[in-house]
Amino acid sequence: MTSPTARSLILLRKEGWTCQVVEKFNQFAGVRIDLFGCIDIVAIKTGIPGVLGIQATSRGNVSTRIKKIMALPEAKLFVECGNQLMVWGWDKYKKHWRVRREVISF
């Protein structure tokens, strides 16, 4: 099975974004650590100002991720600095993967 992060990278590149995974795995603690506590991927694109930060997850976890992000001062600062923050939730519908894109606004 392909992870939500991998699916997001594929779609971003197909849409013309330059992107990079910014979460890391701490092997000693056995946990993934996101950039600023909420960003898995950063992406940039000519003609679009700022940086796009994406939290990639399953579609059923979108609302939980949004609540978590809204409580993070780093997430608010990221957006206030002219960047965009989104949660992308993936699920399979009739044998095809689809994504729900939610913009985080403070």
Protein backbone atom coordinates (compact mmCIF):
# COMPACT_ATOMS: atom_id res chain seq x y z
CA MET A 1 0.00 0.00 0.00
CA THR A 2 1.22 3.48 -0.87
CA SER A 3 1.28 5.98 1.99
CA PRO A 4 -0.67 9.26 1.93
CA THR A 5 2.66 11.10 1.76
CA ALA A 6 3.78 9.11 -1.30
CA ARG A 7 0.42 9.65 -3.04
CA SER A 8 0.63 13.38 -2.26
CA LEU A 9 4.14 13.64 -3.74
CA ILE A 10 2.98 11.94 -6.94
CA LEU A 11 0.02 14.30 -7.32
CA LEU A 12 2.02 17.43 -6.48
CA ARG A 13 4.66 16.60 -9.08
CA LYS A 14 1.96 15.82 -11.66
CA GLU A 15 0.52 19.31 -10.96
CA GLY A 16 3.94 20.94 -11.52
CA TRP A 17 5.07 21.49 -7.94
CA THR A 18 8.63 21.03 -6.70
CA CYS A 19 8.26 19.23 -3.39
CA GLN A 20 10.16 17.54 -0.60
CA VAL A 21 9.28 15.38 2.40
CA VAL A 22 10.26 17.22 5.61
CA GLU A 23 9.10 14.77 8.26
CA LYS A 24 11.74 12.51 9.74
CA PHE A 25 11.68 9.22 11.59
CA ASN A 26 13.28 9.05 15.04
CA GLN A 27 14.36 5.42 15.16
CA PHE A 28 15.18 5.53 18.87
CA ALA A 29 11.74 6.75 19.90
CA GLY A 30 9.95 4.96 17.04
CA VAL A 31 8.01 8.09 16.01
CA ARG A 32 7.73 10.39 13.00
CA ILE A 33 8.49 14.06 13.59
CA ASP A 34 6.77 16.63 11.35
CA LEU A 35 8.18 20.05 10.50
CA PHE A 36 6.70 22.51 13.04
CA GLY A 37 4.66 19.62 14.41
CA CYS A 38 2.30 19.47 11.43
CA ILE A 39 3.99 19.49 8.01
CA ASP A 40 4.93 16.32 6.11
CA ILE A 41 5.69 17.92 2.72
CA VAL A 42 6.72 21.38 1.54
CA ALA A 43 6.11 22.44 -2.05
CA ILE A 44 6.89 25.45 -4.22
CA LYS A 45 5.66 26.44 -7.66
CA THR A 46 6.50 29.24 -10.07
CA GLY A 47 3.84 31.95 -9.97
CA ILE A 48 2.54 30.98 -6.53
CA PRO A 49 3.98 33.06 -3.68
CA GLY A 50 5.21 31.43 -0.48
CA VAL A 51 5.56 27.79 0.44
CA LEU A 52 2.81 25.19 0.57
CA GLY A 53 2.94 22.98 3.66
CA ILE A 54 0.95 19.74 3.57
CA GLN A 55 -0.10 17.32 6.30
CA ALA A 56 -0.89 14.07 4.45
CA THR A 57 -3.25 11.62 6.12
CA SER A 58 -6.17 9.30 5.54
CA ARG A 59 -9.50 10.97 4.76
CA GLY A 60 -11.02 9.83 8.07
CA ASN A 61 -8.33 11.67 10.05
CA VAL A 62 -8.65 15.09 8.37
CA SER A 63 -10.74 16.75 11.10
CA THR A 64 -8.44 15.42 13.85
CA ARG A 65 -5.39 16.79 12.04
CA ILE A 66 -7.05 20.18 11.52
CA LYS A 67 -7.85 20.47 15.24
CA LYS A 68 -4.25 19.58 16.13
CA ILE A 69 -2.84 22.12 13.65
CA MET A 70 -5.14 24.91 14.85
CA ALA A 71 -3.64 24.53 18.35
CA LEU A 72 -0.04 24.94 17.16
CA PRO A 73 1.44 28.46 17.35
CA GLU A 74 4.07 27.39 14.78
CA ALA A 75 1.34 26.58 12.27
CA LYS A 76 -0.26 29.99 12.74
CA LEU A 77 3.12 31.70 12.28
CA PHE A 78 3.78 29.63 9.13
CA VAL A 79 0.53 30.95 7.60
CA GLU A 80 1.07 34.53 8.88
CA CYS A 81 4.44 34.56 7.08
CA GLY A 82 2.66 34.29 3.73
CA ASN A 83 2.65 30.53 3.32
CA GLN A 84 -0.26 28.17 2.80
CA LEU A 85 -1.02 25.17 4.99
CA MET A 86 -3.26 22.30 3.93
CA VAL A 87 -4.40 18.89 5.12
CA TRP A 88 -4.74 16.32 2.37
CA GLY A 89 -6.90 13.32 3.26
CA TRP A 90 -6.79 10.23 1.04
CA ASP A 91 -9.25 7.39 0.62
CA LYS A 92 -10.14 4.79 -1.96
CA TYR A 93 -13.46 5.25 -3.76
CA LYS A 94 -14.62 2.72 -6.35
CA LYS A 95 -11.09 1.32 -6.81
CA HIS A 96 -9.56 4.80 -7.30
CA TRP A 97 -7.69 7.00 -4.85
CA ARG A 98 -9.10 10.46 -4.21
CA VAL A 99 -7.92 13.35 -2.06
CA ARG A 100 -9.81 15.86 0.05
CA ARG A 101 -7.84 19.13 0.31
CA GLU A 102 -8.55 21.38 3.28
CA VAL A 103 -6.93 24.81 3.63
CA ILE A 104 -5.98 25.84 7.15
CA SER A 105 -7.06 29.40 7.97
CA PHE A 106 -6.48 31.22 11.24
